[in-house]
Protein backbone atom coordinates (compact mmCIF):
# COMPACT_ATOMS: atom_id res chain seq x y z
CA MET A 1 0.00 0.00 0.00
CA ASN A 2 1.46 3.41 -0.99
CA ALA A 3 2.01 6.27 1.45
CA LEU A 4 -1.26 8.07 2.04
CA THR A 5 -1.28 11.78 2.88
CA VAL A 6 -4.02 12.88 5.25
CA LEU A 7 -4.45 16.42 6.56
CA ALA A 8 -3.72 16.58 10.26
CA THR A 9 -2.66 19.17 12.80
CA GLY A 10 0.58 20.74 11.70
CA GLY A 11 0.18 19.40 8.17
CA GLU A 12 2.16 16.28 8.94
CA GLU A 13 1.87 13.18 6.84
CA PHE A 14 0.09 9.98 7.78
CA LYS A 15 1.86 7.01 6.25
CA ALA A 16 -0.13 3.86 5.76
CA PRO A 17 1.58 0.61 6.73
CA GLY A 18 3.07 -1.37 3.87
CA PRO A 19 5.40 -4.30 3.19
CA GLU A 20 7.69 -3.17 6.01
CA LEU A 21 5.17 -4.83 8.36
CA PHE A 22 6.57 -8.16 7.23
CA ASP A 23 10.28 -7.36 7.51
CA PHE A 24 11.77 -8.70 10.72
CA PRO A 25 15.41 -8.37 11.78
CA PRO A 26 17.17 -11.16 13.70
CA LEU A 27 15.93 -11.46 17.27
CA PHE A 28 19.26 -10.31 18.70
CA ALA A 29 22.29 -8.50 17.37
CA GLY A 30 24.81 -10.83 15.82
CA GLY A 31 22.33 -13.68 15.70
CA PRO A 32 21.60 -15.74 12.58
CA GLU A 33 19.51 -13.89 10.01
CA TRP A 34 16.96 -16.69 9.83
CA LEU A 35 16.14 -16.48 13.56
CA THR A 36 13.30 -13.96 13.33
CA LYS A 37 9.91 -13.46 14.97
CA PRO A 38 8.00 -15.46 12.27
CA VAL A 39 10.38 -18.41 12.63
CA VAL A 40 10.10 -18.44 16.42
CA PHE A 41 6.31 -18.29 16.40
CA SER A 42 6.05 -20.92 13.67
CA VAL A 43 7.79 -23.25 16.12
CA VAL A 44 5.65 -21.98 19.01
CA GLY A 45 2.51 -22.77 16.98
CA ALA A 46 3.71 -26.30 16.30
CA LEU A 47 4.55 -26.83 19.98
CA LEU A 48 1.13 -25.52 21.04
CA VAL A 49 -0.60 -28.02 18.76
CA CYS A 50 1.51 -30.86 20.20
CA VAL A 51 0.90 -29.78 23.80
CA LEU A 52 -2.84 -29.26 23.26
CA PHE A 53 -3.45 -32.73 21.89
CA TRP A 54 -1.02 -34.43 24.23
CA MET A 55 -2.91 -32.93 27.18
CA ALA A 56 -6.24 -33.84 25.57
CA PHE A 57 -5.46 -37.47 24.77
CA ALA A 58 -2.54 -38.57 26.97
CA LYS A 59 -4.97 -40.05 29.50
CA PRO A 60 -8.35 -40.21 27.75
CA LYS A 61 -11.45 -40.80 29.86
CA LEU A 62 -14.59 -42.63 28.85
CA VAL A 63 -16.55 -39.50 29.74
CA PRO A 64 -14.44 -36.66 28.31
CA ARG A 65 -13.76 -33.52 30.32
CA GLY A 66 -11.88 -30.28 29.83
CA LEU A 67 -9.26 -30.40 27.08
CA GLN A 68 -10.32 -33.88 26.03
CA ASN A 69 -13.70 -32.39 25.09
CA ILE A 70 -12.00 -29.75 22.97
CA GLY A 71 -9.68 -32.31 21.40
CA GLU A 72 -12.54 -34.63 20.49
CA ILE A 73 -14.59 -31.79 19.01
CA GLY A 74 -11.58 -30.77 16.91
CA TYR A 75 -10.97 -34.34 15.81
CA MET A 76 -14.59 -34.91 14.81
CA PHE A 77 -14.71 -31.64 12.89
CA VAL A 78 -11.63 -32.47 10.83
CA ARG A 79 -12.79 -36.06 10.33
CA ASP A 80 -16.38 -35.29 9.31
CA GLU A 81 -15.95 -31.98 7.46
CA ILE A 82 -12.53 -32.35 5.85
CA ALA A 83 -11.34 -35.95 5.65
CA ARG A 84 -14.39 -38.16 5.09
CA PRO A 85 -15.93 -36.22 2.19
CA PHE A 86 -12.77 -36.86 0.14
CA LEU A 87 -10.98 -39.85 1.64
CA GLY A 88 -13.85 -42.14 2.62
CA LYS A 89 -12.44 -45.46 3.82
CA ASN A 90 -8.93 -43.97 3.94
CA THR A 91 -9.93 -41.29 6.45
CA ASP A 92 -8.46 -42.75 9.64
CA ARG A 93 -5.06 -43.34 8.07
CA TRP A 94 -4.66 -39.68 7.09
CA MET A 95 -6.26 -38.03 10.10
CA PRO A 96 -2.95 -37.32 11.94
CA MET A 97 -1.63 -35.37 8.96
CA LEU A 98 -4.86 -33.46 8.31
CA MET A 99 -5.36 -32.68 12.01
CA SER A 100 -1.81 -31.36 12.21
CA LEU A 101 -2.18 -29.20 9.10
CA PHE A 102 -5.53 -27.73 10.12
CA PHE A 103 -4.61 -26.81 13.68
CA LEU A 104 -1.07 -25.69 12.86
CA ILE A 105 -2.31 -23.26 10.20
CA TRP A 106 -5.18 -22.10 12.39
CA PHE A 107 -2.83 -21.35 15.28
CA TRP A 108 -0.41 -19.57 12.94
CA ASN A 109 -3.28 -17.42 11.66
CA ILE A 110 -4.74 -16.65 15.09
CA PHE A 111 -1.40 -15.17 16.17
CA ALA A 112 -2.43 -12.13 14.08
CA VAL A 113 -4.93 -11.06 16.76
CA VAL A 114 -3.01 -12.22 19.85
CA PRO A 115 -1.67 -9.22 21.80
CA ILE A 116 2.11 -8.73 21.63
CA ILE A 117 2.49 -11.33 18.84
CA GLN A 118 0.07 -9.66 16.41
CA PHE A 119 1.49 -11.36 13.35
CA PRO A 120 0.07 -14.20 11.22
CA VAL A 121 2.91 -16.62 10.50
CA ALA A 122 1.30 -17.71 7.21
CA SER A 123 1.61 -14.15 5.87
CA HIS A 124 5.25 -15.02 5.14
CA ILE A 125 5.09 -16.95 1.86
CA ALA A 126 7.88 -19.37 2.90
CA PHE A 127 5.67 -21.16 5.44
CA PRO A 128 2.67 -21.88 3.16
CA ILE A 129 5.10 -22.94 0.42
CA VAL A 130 6.75 -25.52 2.68
CA LEU A 131 3.37 -27.01 3.65
CA ALA A 132 2.06 -26.97 0.05
CA VAL A 133 5.24 -28.63 -1.27
CA PHE A 134 4.98 -31.28 1.45
CA VAL A 135 1.38 -32.05 0.45
CA TYR A 136 2.41 -32.09 -3.23
CA ILE A 137 5.23 -34.58 -2.59
CA VAL A 138 2.86 -36.84 -0.64
CA LYS A 139 0.32 -36.64 -3.46
CA VAL A 140 2.82 -37.55 -6.21
CA TYR A 141 4.35 -40.33 -4.10
CA LEU A 142 0.91 -41.86 -3.51
CA GLY A 143 0.08 -41.56 -7.19
CA PHE A 144 3.23 -43.43 -8.20
CA LYS A 145 2.72 -46.05 -5.50
CA HIS A 146 -0.98 -46.80 -5.99
CA GLN A 147 -1.43 -46.11 -9.70
CA GLY A 148 2.04 -46.70 -11.11
CA PRO A 149 4.42 -44.11 -12.61
CA VAL A 150 2.84 -44.34 -16.07
CA LYS A 151 -0.83 -44.75 -15.19
CA TYR A 152 -0.61 -41.91 -12.70
CA PHE A 153 -0.05 -39.54 -15.63
CA THR A 154 -2.44 -41.20 -18.06
CA ASN A 155 -5.24 -41.46 -15.48
CA MET A 156 -5.38 -37.67 -15.28
CA ILE A 157 -6.65 -37.46 -18.85
CA PRO A 158 -10.28 -38.40 -19.66
CA LYS A 159 -10.71 -41.23 -22.14
CA GLY A 160 -12.74 -41.26 -25.33
CA LEU A 161 -12.31 -37.66 -26.46
CA PRO A 162 -11.51 -36.66 -30.08
CA LEU A 163 -7.77 -36.74 -30.78
CA PRO A 164 -7.37 -32.99 -31.49
CA VAL A 165 -8.79 -32.21 -28.04
CA TYR A 166 -5.89 -33.95 -26.35
CA PHE A 167 -3.34 -31.53 -27.87
CA LEU A 168 -4.99 -28.79 -25.82
CA LEU A 169 -6.22 -30.81 -22.84
CA VAL A 170 -3.00 -32.68 -21.93
CA PRO A 171 -0.72 -29.66 -21.38
CA ILE A 172 -3.50 -27.80 -19.54
CA GLU A 173 -4.18 -30.76 -17.25
CA TYR A 174 -0.51 -31.33 -16.44
CA LEU A 175 0.15 -27.62 -15.96
CA SER A 176 -2.82 -27.36 -13.62
CA THR A 177 -1.93 -30.48 -11.62
CA PHE A 178 1.83 -30.10 -11.25
CA ILE A 179 2.36 -26.32 -11.31
CA LEU A 180 -0.80 -24.33 -10.65
CA ALA A 181 -2.31 -26.57 -7.97
CA PRO A 182 0.61 -26.43 -5.49
CA PHE A 183 1.20 -22.75 -6.34
CA THR A 184 -2.38 -21.70 -5.64
CA HIS A 185 -2.50 -23.98 -2.58
CA ALA A 186 0.27 -21.90 -1.00
CA VAL A 187 -0.61 -18.47 -2.39
CA ARG A 188 -4.28 -18.62 -1.37
CA LEU A 189 -3.30 -18.95 2.29
CA PHE A 190 -0.46 -16.45 2.08
CA ALA A 191 -2.41 -13.78 0.20
CA ASN A 192 -5.37 -13.83 2.57
CA MET A 193 -3.18 -13.54 5.65
CA PHE A 194 -0.96 -10.89 4.07
CA ALA A 195 -3.89 -8.73 2.95
CA GLY A 196 -5.85 -9.19 6.17
CA HIS A 197 -2.89 -8.22 8.35
CA THR A 198 -2.16 -5.15 6.22
CA ILE A 199 -5.76 -3.92 6.33
CA LEU A 200 -6.03 -4.45 10.10
CA ALA A 201 -2.76 -2.60 10.63
CA PHE A 202 -3.99 0.29 8.47
CA PHE A 203 -7.25 0.87 10.33
CA SER A 204 -5.71 0.37 13.77
CA LEU A 205 -3.02 2.92 12.87
CA VAL A 206 -5.71 5.33 11.67
CA GLY A 207 -7.42 5.03 15.05
CA PHE A 208 -4.20 5.49 17.02
CA TRP A 209 -2.90 8.37 14.89
CA PHE A 210 -6.01 10.55 14.92
CA ILE A 211 -6.93 9.91 18.56
CA PHE A 212 -3.53 10.07 20.24
CA GLU A 213 -0.94 11.47 17.84
CA LYS A 214 -2.88 14.29 16.16
CA PRO A 215 -6.05 14.90 18.16
CA THR A 216 -8.38 17.42 16.55
CA ALA A 217 -12.17 17.64 16.51
CA LEU A 218 -12.37 16.19 13.01
CA GLY A 219 -9.44 13.86 13.54
CA PHE A 220 -10.96 12.38 16.69
CA GLY A 221 -14.04 11.35 14.70
CA VAL A 222 -11.86 9.76 12.04
CA GLY A 223 -9.94 7.93 14.77
CA ILE A 224 -13.13 6.57 16.33
CA VAL A 225 -14.20 5.27 12.92
CA GLY A 226 -10.79 3.62 12.56
CA VAL A 227 -11.20 1.89 15.94
CA ILE A 228 -14.72 0.66 15.13
CA VAL A 229 -13.65 -0.64 11.72
CA THR A 230 -10.64 -2.36 13.32
CA ILE A 231 -12.92 -4.19 15.76
CA LEU A 232 -15.29 -5.28 13.00
CA LEU A 233 -12.45 -6.37 10.73
CA THR A 234 -10.85 -8.31 13.59
CA ALA A 235 -14.06 -10.34 13.93
CA LEU A 236 -14.07 -10.90 10.16
CA GLU A 237 -10.40 -11.81 10.22
CA LEU A 238 -11.02 -14.46 12.88
CA LEU A 239 -13.51 -16.09 10.52
CA ILE A 240 -11.11 -15.86 7.56
CA GLN A 241 -8.29 -17.34 9.64
CA PHE A 242 -10.43 -20.36 10.40
CA LEU A 243 -11.67 -20.69 6.81
CA GLN A 244 -8.15 -20.56 5.37
CA ALA A 245 -6.99 -23.35 7.67
CA PHE A 246 -10.10 -25.32 6.68
CA LEU A 247 -9.56 -24.77 2.94
CA PHE A 248 -5.87 -25.68 3.08
CA ALA A 249 -6.58 -28.94 4.91
CA MET A 250 -9.55 -29.71 2.67
CA LEU A 251 -7.45 -29.27 -0.48
CA ALA A 252 -4.76 -31.45 1.09
CA ALA A 253 -7.35 -34.20 1.59
CA MET A 254 -8.50 -33.82 -2.00
CA TYR A 255 -4.93 -34.02 -3.34
CA ILE A 256 -4.17 -37.09 -1.22
CA GLN A 257 -7.24 -38.83 -2.58
CA SER A 258 -6.23 -37.96 -6.15
CA GLY A 259 -2.96 -39.78 -5.50
CA LEU A 260 -4.66 -42.80 -3.97
CA GLU A 261 -7.21 -43.16 -6.77
CA ALA A 262 -7.50 -41.82 -10.29
CA ASP A 263 -9.74 -38.80 -10.78
CA HIS A 264 -11.05 -39.94 -14.14
């Protein structure tokens, strides 16, 4: 987002937040460049998922209580809404992977609205890319294993079409499956978190600037609007964070199934 000039007391300039929101220096001087806030909280998110489900299921009770209730609700949601619609009889085998993906991404996204952290890990493209590439490798491996290296490629193409159609269909199908699918799998998650974080930062800065930095009669009203919009967008962002975790895991289930069995 470009710098935005807004009239304020003293004629100073209000600068909207931009890509610098996503630039993080090393955590300490002289430390490795890769050891940044996103890296640390990506690990924290993974540890939280492990701790949550270890505490929920380490000593399961016949009548669930506390965290076991939460864990079972989470398990049933992923199983019934994500895994079963695509994987059917193969659901139980792939539940650990799908559970991990869903809750890891959801935790990473929720960090955007957690005080002090206030940063969605998935808004750094490297993290969605790693997960998407992992799913892609699993998908291709399953395709080779269950369908064979040759049939895996031929099964992607519908049978019985006129010959000239295949000259157009084959490259489109392979491009979509092997290039566009993993690319969009990663970018969809990244773009939503990147845009959502930028918009939230913009309106929260508008509220802070016009209420505290440059208080005027008109500016105070603009600041109040910024605060209200920030609250509303935070509620919307919480929904989007959940939906993006859901969509990523759902697509992962769909890709796994396409490796296990031919689409056509």
